[in-house]
Amino acid sequence: MAQGFLARVAGKTKQLLAVIVSVGVGDAGKIVGLGSDGRLDASVMPVGIGAQTTQAVASEALGAGKYVQYHNNAGVFSARLADNSNGRQADGFVLAAVASAATATVYPLDGTNAQQAGLTIGSRYWLGTAGGVTDTPLDETNVANANKISQYLGIAKSVTELVTDDDGYVVL
């Protein structure tokens, strides 16, 4: 629902609507309103204020909440699913699903991934396969884990939120 207010324009009372998403200079001087999620849209924030994200082309379909790895895909800065079984460490995560070849908004580790499911509050999680997480770390003494990625990701705040850390990773 658009929020409006009454203002005097050229001597007449007129209803004006708040701007939810800014298109730039053309919206200068207008009143800002909250979006349907009850938050300000990033387009109305000053440069440097807002979520620290990186844009990357998805080289495969990425599901919401999946952990991703940055890579060079034929000269294009891209993101693909992180996976402990094939040497793809997690560089960040996506909060929204992204189709292959579309631009993904990647959030850095050290943030909260609120698109998880089935987590146990207070439990620790590590990188799993296909962009997922596991509550069981890889056993570094098991020869079957040679050349796999062991990467601690964080602790569950709720059943859907994983507070991540950027602790780095180890190739076993």
N, C-alpha and C. Protein backbone atom coordinates (compact mmCIF):
# COMPACT_ATOMS: atom_id res chain seq x y z
N MET A 1 0.84 -1.18 0.00
CA MET A 1 0.00 0.00 0.00
C MET A 1 0.89 1.24 0.00
N ALA A 2 0.69 2.10 -0.97
CA ALA A 2 1.47 3.32 -1.06
C ALA A 2 1.09 4.29 0.04
N GLN A 3 2.08 4.90 0.64
CA GLN A 3 1.85 5.90 1.67
C GLN A 3 1.84 7.28 1.02
N GLY A 4 0.87 8.06 1.38
CA GLY A 4 0.75 9.39 0.81
C GLY A 4 0.66 10.46 1.89
N PHE A 5 0.79 11.69 1.45
CA PHE A 5 0.65 12.83 2.35
C PHE A 5 0.11 14.00 1.53
N LEU A 6 -0.44 14.96 2.23
CA LEU A 6 -0.97 16.16 1.57
C LEU A 6 0.08 17.26 1.60
N ALA A 7 0.21 17.94 0.48
CA ALA A 7 1.18 19.04 0.38
C ALA A 7 0.56 20.16 -0.45
N ARG A 8 1.04 21.38 -0.22
CA ARG A 8 0.61 22.52 -1.03
C ARG A 8 1.55 22.63 -2.21
N VAL A 9 0.99 22.50 -3.41
CA VAL A 9 1.77 22.59 -4.64
C VAL A 9 1.11 23.66 -5.52
N ALA A 10 1.87 24.71 -5.81
CA ALA A 10 1.36 25.82 -6.63
C ALA A 10 0.04 26.36 -6.08
N GLY A 11 -0.03 26.46 -4.74
CA GLY A 11 -1.20 27.04 -4.10
C GLY A 11 -2.38 26.12 -3.96
N LYS A 12 -2.25 24.85 -4.34
CA LYS A 12 -3.35 23.89 -4.23
C LYS A 12 -2.91 22.71 -3.37
N THR A 13 -3.90 22.12 -2.67
CA THR A 13 -3.62 20.93 -1.87
C THR A 13 -3.60 19.72 -2.80
N LYS A 14 -2.51 18.95 -2.70
CA LYS A 14 -2.34 17.80 -3.58
C LYS A 14 -1.82 16.62 -2.77
N GLN A 15 -2.29 15.41 -3.11
CA GLN A 15 -1.77 14.22 -2.45
C GLN A 15 -0.53 13.75 -3.21
N LEU A 16 0.56 13.54 -2.48
CA LEU A 16 1.80 13.02 -3.04
C LEU A 16 2.08 11.67 -2.41
N LEU A 17 2.65 10.75 -3.19
CA LEU A 17 2.97 9.42 -2.69
C LEU A 17 4.45 9.30 -2.37
N ALA A 18 4.76 8.57 -1.33
CA ALA A 18 6.14 8.32 -0.95
C ALA A 18 6.80 7.41 -1.98
N VAL A 19 8.10 7.59 -2.18
CA VAL A 19 8.88 6.77 -3.10
C VAL A 19 9.37 5.53 -2.34
N ILE A 20 9.10 4.35 -2.89
CA ILE A 20 9.56 3.11 -2.27
C ILE A 20 10.90 2.69 -2.87
N VAL A 21 11.00 2.77 -4.20
CA VAL A 21 12.24 2.45 -4.93
C VAL A 21 12.63 3.66 -5.74
N SER A 22 13.86 4.12 -5.55
CA SER A 22 14.33 5.32 -6.25
C SER A 22 14.89 4.97 -7.62
N VAL A 23 14.62 5.86 -8.59
CA VAL A 23 15.21 5.72 -9.92
C VAL A 23 16.38 6.68 -10.08
N GLY A 24 16.77 7.34 -9.00
CA GLY A 24 17.93 8.22 -9.04
C GLY A 24 17.55 9.68 -8.94
N VAL A 25 18.26 10.52 -9.69
CA VAL A 25 18.13 11.98 -9.62
C VAL A 25 16.69 12.43 -9.80
N GLY A 26 15.91 11.75 -10.61
CA GLY A 26 14.52 12.14 -10.84
C GLY A 26 13.67 12.10 -9.59
N ASP A 27 14.13 11.39 -8.57
CA ASP A 27 13.38 11.30 -7.31
C ASP A 27 13.94 12.22 -6.23
N ALA A 28 14.85 13.09 -6.59
CA ALA A 28 15.45 14.02 -5.62
C ALA A 28 14.37 14.85 -4.92
N GLY A 29 14.49 14.97 -3.61
CA GLY A 29 13.57 15.79 -2.83
C GLY A 29 12.27 15.13 -2.45
N LYS A 30 12.05 13.91 -2.87
CA LYS A 30 10.80 13.22 -2.56
C LYS A 30 10.89 12.53 -1.20
N ILE A 31 9.74 12.29 -0.60
CA ILE A 31 9.64 11.59 0.68
C ILE A 31 9.79 10.09 0.43
N VAL A 32 10.52 9.40 1.32
CA VAL A 32 10.76 7.97 1.19
C VAL A 32 9.78 7.19 2.06
N GLY A 33 9.30 6.05 1.53
CA GLY A 33 8.40 5.17 2.28
C GLY A 33 9.01 3.78 2.42
N LEU A 34 8.51 3.03 3.37
CA LEU A 34 8.96 1.66 3.57
C LEU A 34 8.30 0.74 2.56
N GLY A 35 9.02 -0.32 2.16
CA GLY A 35 8.49 -1.30 1.22
C GLY A 35 7.56 -2.28 1.91
N SER A 36 7.07 -3.25 1.17
CA SER A 36 6.13 -4.23 1.71
C SER A 36 6.74 -5.10 2.80
N ASP A 37 8.10 -5.13 2.86
CA ASP A 37 8.79 -5.88 3.91
C ASP A 37 9.04 -5.04 5.16
N GLY A 38 8.58 -3.78 5.13
CA GLY A 38 8.76 -2.90 6.28
C GLY A 38 10.16 -2.31 6.37
N ARG A 39 10.90 -2.36 5.27
CA ARG A 39 12.28 -1.85 5.26
C ARG A 39 12.47 -0.87 4.11
N LEU A 40 13.54 -0.09 4.23
CA LEU A 40 13.91 0.81 3.15
C LEU A 40 14.57 0.02 2.04
N ASP A 41 14.25 0.33 0.80
CA ASP A 41 14.88 -0.30 -0.35
C ASP A 41 16.32 0.21 -0.45
N ALA A 42 17.24 -0.64 -0.88
CA ALA A 42 18.65 -0.27 -1.02
C ALA A 42 18.83 0.92 -1.97
N SER A 43 17.90 1.11 -2.92
CA SER A 43 18.03 2.18 -3.90
C SER A 43 17.86 3.57 -3.29
N VAL A 44 17.32 3.66 -2.08
CA VAL A 44 17.15 4.98 -1.45
C VAL A 44 18.24 5.27 -0.43
N MET A 45 19.17 4.35 -0.28
CA MET A 45 20.24 4.52 0.69
C MET A 45 21.43 5.25 0.06
N PRO A 46 22.18 6.00 0.87
CA PRO A 46 23.38 6.66 0.34
C PRO A 46 24.43 5.61 -0.08
N VAL A 47 25.29 5.98 -1.01
CA VAL A 47 26.37 5.09 -1.43
C VAL A 47 27.21 4.72 -0.21
N GLY A 48 27.51 3.43 -0.07
CA GLY A 48 28.31 2.95 1.05
C GLY A 48 27.48 2.49 2.23
N ILE A 49 26.17 2.73 2.21
CA ILE A 49 25.29 2.31 3.29
C ILE A 49 24.42 1.17 2.77
N GLY A 50 24.36 0.09 3.52
CA GLY A 50 23.54 -1.04 3.12
C GLY A 50 24.35 -2.32 3.20
N ALA A 51 23.77 -3.39 2.76
CA ALA A 51 24.43 -4.69 2.81
C ALA A 51 25.66 -4.69 1.92
N GLN A 52 26.75 -5.22 2.43
CA GLN A 52 27.97 -5.38 1.65
C GLN A 52 27.81 -6.65 0.82
N THR A 53 27.58 -6.50 -0.45
CA THR A 53 27.35 -7.64 -1.33
C THR A 53 28.25 -7.54 -2.55
N THR A 54 28.34 -8.65 -3.26
CA THR A 54 29.09 -8.70 -4.51
C THR A 54 28.17 -9.28 -5.58
N GLN A 55 28.20 -8.68 -6.75
CA GLN A 55 27.41 -9.17 -7.87
C GLN A 55 28.28 -10.12 -8.69
N ALA A 56 27.76 -11.29 -9.03
CA ALA A 56 28.48 -12.27 -9.83
C ALA A 56 27.49 -13.03 -10.70
N VAL A 57 27.90 -13.38 -11.88
CA VAL A 57 27.05 -14.15 -12.78
C VAL A 57 27.00 -15.60 -12.29
N ALA A 58 25.80 -16.15 -12.17
CA ALA A 58 25.65 -17.53 -11.72
C ALA A 58 26.00 -18.46 -12.88
N SER A 59 26.99 -19.33 -12.67
CA SER A 59 27.36 -20.27 -13.74
C SER A 59 26.55 -21.56 -13.66
N GLU A 60 25.65 -21.62 -12.69
CA GLU A 60 24.67 -22.70 -12.56
C GLU A 60 23.53 -22.17 -11.71
N ALA A 61 22.42 -22.85 -11.67
CA ALA A 61 21.30 -22.41 -10.83
C ALA A 61 21.71 -22.47 -9.37
N LEU A 62 21.37 -21.42 -8.63
CA LEU A 62 21.72 -21.32 -7.21
C LEU A 62 20.42 -21.21 -6.41
N GLY A 63 20.22 -22.09 -5.46
CA GLY A 63 19.03 -22.03 -4.62
C GLY A 63 19.20 -21.02 -3.49
N ALA A 64 18.10 -20.51 -2.98
CA ALA A 64 18.13 -19.57 -1.86
C ALA A 64 18.83 -20.21 -0.67
N GLY A 65 19.74 -19.46 -0.05
CA GLY A 65 20.45 -19.94 1.12
C GLY A 65 21.68 -20.77 0.84
N LYS A 66 21.99 -21.02 -0.43
CA LYS A 66 23.14 -21.86 -0.78
C LYS A 66 24.45 -21.08 -0.64
N TYR A 67 25.50 -21.81 -0.29
CA TYR A 67 26.84 -21.24 -0.21
C TYR A 67 27.50 -21.37 -1.57
N VAL A 68 28.23 -20.32 -1.96
CA VAL A 68 28.80 -20.26 -3.30
C VAL A 68 30.29 -19.97 -3.27
N GLN A 69 30.94 -20.33 -4.38
CA GLN A 69 32.35 -20.04 -4.59
C GLN A 69 32.46 -19.13 -5.80
N TYR A 70 33.33 -18.12 -5.70
CA TYR A 70 33.63 -17.27 -6.86
C TYR A 70 34.62 -18.01 -7.76
N HIS A 71 34.48 -17.79 -9.07
CA HIS A 71 35.45 -18.37 -9.99
C HIS A 71 35.41 -17.62 -11.32
N ASN A 72 36.42 -17.87 -12.15
CA ASN A 72 36.53 -17.29 -13.48
C ASN A 72 35.88 -18.26 -14.46
N ASN A 73 34.80 -17.84 -15.08
CA ASN A 73 34.09 -18.67 -16.05
C ASN A 73 34.26 -18.02 -17.42
N ALA A 74 35.29 -18.45 -18.17
CA ALA A 74 35.58 -17.90 -19.50
C ALA A 74 35.75 -16.39 -19.47
N GLY A 75 36.47 -15.89 -18.45
CA GLY A 75 36.74 -14.47 -18.33
C GLY A 75 35.67 -13.66 -17.64
N VAL A 76 34.64 -14.33 -17.12
CA VAL A 76 33.54 -13.65 -16.43
C VAL A 76 33.59 -14.01 -14.94
N PHE A 77 33.58 -12.98 -14.08
CA PHE A 77 33.53 -13.20 -12.64
C PHE A 77 32.20 -13.86 -12.32
N SER A 78 32.24 -15.08 -11.78
CA SER A 78 31.03 -15.88 -11.62
C SER A 78 30.95 -16.52 -10.25
N ALA A 79 29.78 -17.07 -9.95
CA ALA A 79 29.54 -17.80 -8.70
C ALA A 79 28.93 -19.15 -9.04
N ARG A 80 29.37 -20.17 -8.30
CA ARG A 80 28.83 -21.52 -8.44
C ARG A 80 28.71 -22.11 -7.05
N LEU A 81 28.01 -23.25 -6.94
CA LEU A 81 27.80 -23.87 -5.64
C LEU A 81 29.12 -24.29 -5.00
N ALA A 82 29.31 -23.91 -3.75
CA ALA A 82 30.46 -24.39 -2.98
C ALA A 82 30.20 -25.85 -2.64
N ASP A 83 31.27 -26.63 -2.49
CA ASP A 83 31.10 -28.07 -2.27
C ASP A 83 32.36 -28.63 -1.62
N ASN A 84 32.20 -29.24 -0.44
CA ASN A 84 33.38 -29.75 0.26
C ASN A 84 34.01 -30.94 -0.44
N SER A 85 33.27 -31.60 -1.34
CA SER A 85 33.77 -32.83 -1.97
C SER A 85 34.61 -32.58 -3.22
N ASN A 86 34.55 -31.37 -3.78
CA ASN A 86 35.28 -31.14 -5.02
C ASN A 86 36.17 -29.90 -5.00
N GLY A 87 36.58 -29.47 -3.82
CA GLY A 87 37.54 -28.38 -3.70
C GLY A 87 36.97 -26.99 -3.90
N ARG A 88 35.68 -26.81 -3.76
CA ARG A 88 35.07 -25.48 -3.92
C ARG A 88 34.72 -24.91 -2.55
N GLN A 89 35.61 -24.09 -2.01
CA GLN A 89 35.35 -23.46 -0.71
C GLN A 89 34.22 -22.45 -0.82
N ALA A 90 33.60 -22.13 0.30
CA ALA A 90 32.52 -21.13 0.33
C ALA A 90 33.14 -19.74 0.47
N ASP A 91 32.77 -18.85 -0.47
CA ASP A 91 33.20 -17.45 -0.40
C ASP A 91 32.08 -16.56 0.08
N GLY A 92 30.84 -17.06 0.05
CA GLY A 92 29.68 -16.28 0.47
C GLY A 92 28.42 -17.12 0.28
N PHE A 93 27.26 -16.46 0.35
CA PHE A 93 25.98 -17.16 0.18
C PHE A 93 24.98 -16.25 -0.51
N VAL A 94 23.96 -16.87 -1.09
CA VAL A 94 22.89 -16.11 -1.74
C VAL A 94 21.62 -16.27 -0.89
N LEU A 95 20.84 -15.23 -0.81
CA LEU A 95 19.59 -15.28 -0.06
C LEU A 95 18.39 -15.54 -0.96
N ALA A 96 18.56 -15.31 -2.25
CA ALA A 96 17.48 -15.53 -3.21
C ALA A 96 17.96 -16.49 -4.29
N ALA A 97 17.06 -17.32 -4.78
CA ALA A 97 17.40 -18.23 -5.87
C ALA A 97 17.78 -17.43 -7.11
N VAL A 98 18.74 -17.97 -7.87
CA VAL A 98 19.23 -17.30 -9.07
C VAL A 98 19.34 -18.34 -10.18
N ALA A 99 18.82 -18.01 -11.34
CA ALA A 99 18.91 -18.90 -12.50
C ALA A 99 20.32 -18.85 -13.09
N SER A 100 20.72 -19.90 -13.74
CA SER A 100 22.01 -19.92 -14.42
C SER A 100 22.08 -18.77 -15.42
N ALA A 101 23.21 -18.08 -15.45
CA ALA A 101 23.49 -16.94 -16.33
C ALA A 101 22.89 -15.63 -15.83
N ALA A 102 22.10 -15.66 -14.76
CA ALA A 102 21.56 -14.43 -14.17
C ALA A 102 22.59 -13.88 -13.17
N THR A 103 22.39 -12.64 -12.77
CA THR A 103 23.31 -12.03 -11.81
C THR A 103 22.86 -12.34 -10.39
N ALA A 104 23.80 -12.88 -9.61
CA ALA A 104 23.53 -13.23 -8.22
C ALA A 104 24.05 -12.14 -7.29
N THR A 105 23.30 -11.88 -6.23
CA THR A 105 23.77 -11.01 -5.16
C THR A 105 24.32 -11.92 -4.09
N VAL A 106 25.64 -11.86 -3.88
CA VAL A 106 26.32 -12.74 -2.94
C VAL A 106 26.67 -11.96 -1.68
N TYR A 107 26.27 -12.52 -0.54
CA TYR A 107 26.56 -11.93 0.76
C TYR A 107 27.83 -12.58 1.31
N PRO A 108 28.71 -11.81 1.94
CA PRO A 108 29.95 -12.37 2.43
C PRO A 108 29.74 -13.20 3.70
N LEU A 109 30.68 -14.11 3.93
CA LEU A 109 30.69 -14.81 5.22
C LEU A 109 30.91 -13.74 6.28
N ASP A 110 30.57 -13.99 7.50
CA ASP A 110 30.55 -13.03 8.62
C ASP A 110 29.22 -12.30 8.66
N GLY A 111 28.20 -12.85 7.99
CA GLY A 111 26.85 -12.32 8.03
C GLY A 111 25.91 -13.44 8.46
N THR A 112 24.63 -13.17 8.43
CA THR A 112 23.64 -14.18 8.81
C THR A 112 22.90 -14.66 7.57
N ASN A 113 22.98 -15.96 7.32
CA ASN A 113 22.25 -16.59 6.22
C ASN A 113 20.90 -17.02 6.78
N ALA A 114 19.86 -16.26 6.46
CA ALA A 114 18.52 -16.50 7.01
C ALA A 114 17.64 -17.32 6.08
N GLN A 115 18.25 -18.05 5.15
CA GLN A 115 17.48 -18.88 4.22
C GLN A 115 17.80 -20.36 4.39
N GLN A 116 18.08 -20.77 5.59
CA GLN A 116 18.37 -22.17 5.89
C GLN A 116 17.09 -22.85 6.39
N ALA A 117 17.16 -24.14 6.59
CA ALA A 117 16.01 -24.89 7.12
C ALA A 117 16.53 -26.07 7.93
N GLY A 118 15.83 -26.40 9.00
CA GLY A 118 16.15 -27.60 9.77
C GLY A 118 17.39 -27.52 10.62
N LEU A 119 17.86 -26.32 10.92
CA LEU A 119 19.04 -26.19 11.77
C LEU A 119 18.66 -26.42 13.23
N THR A 120 19.64 -26.77 14.04
CA THR A 120 19.45 -26.93 15.47
C THR A 120 20.10 -25.75 16.17
N ILE A 121 19.31 -24.98 16.91
CA ILE A 121 19.81 -23.78 17.57
C ILE A 121 21.03 -24.14 18.43
N GLY A 122 22.10 -23.33 18.27
CA GLY A 122 23.32 -23.52 19.04
C GLY A 122 24.28 -24.53 18.44
N SER A 123 23.87 -25.26 17.42
CA SER A 123 24.76 -26.24 16.80
C SER A 123 25.70 -25.56 15.81
N ARG A 124 26.88 -26.15 15.64
CA ARG A 124 27.87 -25.66 14.69
C ARG A 124 27.71 -26.37 13.37
N TYR A 125 28.01 -25.64 12.27
CA TYR A 125 27.83 -26.19 10.93
C TYR A 125 29.06 -25.94 10.06
N TRP A 126 29.30 -26.90 9.17
CA TRP A 126 30.41 -26.85 8.23
C TRP A 126 29.86 -26.93 6.82
N LEU A 127 30.72 -26.59 5.85
CA LEU A 127 30.34 -26.69 4.45
C LEU A 127 30.05 -28.14 4.10
N GLY A 128 28.93 -28.36 3.43
CA GLY A 128 28.57 -29.69 2.95
C GLY A 128 28.75 -29.74 1.44
N THR A 129 27.89 -30.47 0.77
CA THR A 129 27.95 -30.59 -0.68
C THR A 129 26.85 -29.76 -1.33
N ALA A 130 27.07 -29.43 -2.60
CA ALA A 130 26.08 -28.70 -3.41
C ALA A 130 25.57 -27.43 -2.74
N GLY A 131 26.47 -26.68 -2.08
CA GLY A 131 26.10 -25.42 -1.46
C GLY A 131 25.42 -25.55 -0.11
N GLY A 132 25.30 -26.76 0.39
CA GLY A 132 24.61 -27.00 1.66
C GLY A 132 25.55 -27.01 2.86
N VAL A 133 24.98 -27.30 4.01
CA VAL A 133 25.74 -27.35 5.25
C VAL A 133 25.55 -28.71 5.92
N THR A 134 26.47 -29.02 6.81
CA THR A 134 26.38 -30.25 7.59
C THR A 134 26.79 -29.95 9.03
N ASP A 135 26.19 -30.67 9.96
CA ASP A 135 26.56 -30.48 11.37
C ASP A 135 27.69 -31.42 11.78
N THR A 136 28.24 -32.16 10.83
CA THR A 136 29.32 -33.10 11.10
C THR A 136 30.57 -32.68 10.32
N PRO A 137 31.64 -32.30 11.03
CA PRO A 137 32.86 -31.93 10.31
C PRO A 137 33.50 -33.16 9.67
N LEU A 138 34.26 -32.93 8.60
CA LEU A 138 34.97 -34.03 7.96
C LEU A 138 36.06 -34.55 8.91
N ASP A 139 36.28 -35.84 8.91
CA ASP A 139 37.31 -36.47 9.73
C ASP A 139 38.63 -36.39 8.97
N GLU A 140 39.55 -35.57 9.48
CA GLU A 140 40.81 -35.37 8.77
C GLU A 140 41.72 -36.60 8.77
N THR A 141 41.41 -37.59 9.60
CA THR A 141 42.22 -38.81 9.63
C THR A 141 41.70 -39.87 8.66
N ASN A 142 40.55 -39.64 8.08
CA ASN A 142 39.95 -40.60 7.14
C ASN A 142 40.55 -40.33 5.75
N VAL A 143 41.25 -41.31 5.19
CA VAL A 143 41.89 -41.13 3.88
C VAL A 143 40.87 -40.86 2.77
N ALA A 144 39.63 -41.25 2.96
CA ALA A 144 38.59 -40.99 1.97
C ALA A 144 38.29 -39.49 1.86
N ASN A 145 38.72 -38.70 2.84
CA ASN A 145 38.48 -37.25 2.81
C ASN A 145 39.66 -36.47 2.22
N ALA A 146 40.67 -37.15 1.71
CA ALA A 146 41.82 -36.47 1.11
C ALA A 146 41.35 -35.56 -0.01
N ASN A 147 41.90 -34.35 -0.03
CA ASN A 147 41.60 -33.31 -1.03
C ASN A 147 40.21 -32.70 -0.92
N LYS A 148 39.48 -33.03 0.13
CA LYS A 148 38.18 -32.39 0.37
C LYS A 148 38.40 -31.11 1.19
N ILE A 149 37.40 -30.24 1.16
CA ILE A 149 37.46 -28.96 1.88
C ILE A 149 36.81 -29.11 3.25
N SER A 150 37.55 -28.74 4.29
CA SER A 150 36.98 -28.67 5.64
C SER A 150 36.84 -27.19 5.96
N GLN A 151 35.60 -26.72 6.05
CA GLN A 151 35.35 -25.29 6.27
C GLN A 151 34.24 -25.10 7.28
N TYR A 152 34.60 -24.55 8.43
CA TYR A 152 33.60 -24.19 9.45
C TYR A 152 32.86 -22.96 8.96
N LEU A 153 31.51 -23.01 9.01
CA LEU A 153 30.71 -21.89 8.53
C LEU A 153 30.09 -21.06 9.64
N GLY A 154 29.64 -21.70 10.73
CA GLY A 154 29.04 -20.89 11.79
C GLY A 154 28.14 -21.67 12.70
N ILE A 155 27.32 -20.91 13.44
CA ILE A 155 26.46 -21.48 14.47
C ILE A 155 25.01 -21.06 14.21
N ALA A 156 24.09 -21.98 14.46
CA ALA A 156 22.67 -21.72 14.20
C ALA A 156 22.08 -20.81 15.28
N LYS A 157 21.47 -19.73 14.83
CA LYS A 157 20.76 -18.80 15.71
C LYS A 157 19.31 -19.24 15.87
N SER A 158 18.78 -19.86 14.83
CA SER A 158 17.41 -20.38 14.83
C SER A 158 17.37 -21.54 13.84
N VAL A 159 16.21 -22.10 13.61
CA VAL A 159 16.12 -23.23 12.67
C VAL A 159 16.34 -22.77 11.22
N THR A 160 16.29 -21.46 10.97
CA THR A 160 16.47 -20.94 9.61
C THR A 160 17.64 -19.98 9.46
N GLU A 161 18.35 -19.67 10.56
CA GLU A 161 19.41 -18.66 10.51
C GLU A 161 20.75 -19.24 10.96
N LEU A 162 21.76 -19.09 10.08
CA LEU A 162 23.11 -19.51 10.41
C LEU A 162 23.99 -18.27 10.45
N VAL A 163 24.51 -17.97 11.63
CA VAL A 163 25.42 -16.83 11.80
C VAL A 163 26.80 -17.32 11.38
N THR A 164 27.28 -16.81 10.24
CA THR A 164 28.51 -17.34 9.66
C THR A 164 29.76 -16.62 10.15
N ASP A 165 30.87 -17.33 10.07
CA ASP A 165 32.20 -16.81 10.36
C ASP A 165 33.04 -17.02 9.11
N ASP A 166 34.03 -16.18 8.92
CA ASP A 166 34.97 -16.36 7.82
C ASP A 166 36.27 -16.85 8.41
N ASP A 167 36.29 -18.13 8.81
CA ASP A 167 37.46 -18.72 9.45
C ASP A 167 38.44 -19.32 8.46
N GLY A 168 38.13 -19.25 7.18
CA GLY A 168 38.99 -19.88 6.19
C GLY A 168 38.64 -21.35 6.05
N TYR A 169 39.47 -22.08 5.35
CA TYR A 169 39.21 -23.50 5.11
C TYR A 169 40.53 -24.24 5.04
N VAL A 170 40.44 -25.56 5.09
CA VAL A 170 41.61 -26.42 5.01
C VAL A 170 41.33 -27.48 3.95
N VAL A 171 42.32 -27.71 3.09
CA VAL A 171 42.21 -28.83 2.16
C VAL A 171 42.82 -30.03 2.84
N LEU A 172 42.01 -31.06 3.05
CA LEU A 172 42.48 -32.25 3.77
C LEU A 172 43.34 -33.12 2.87
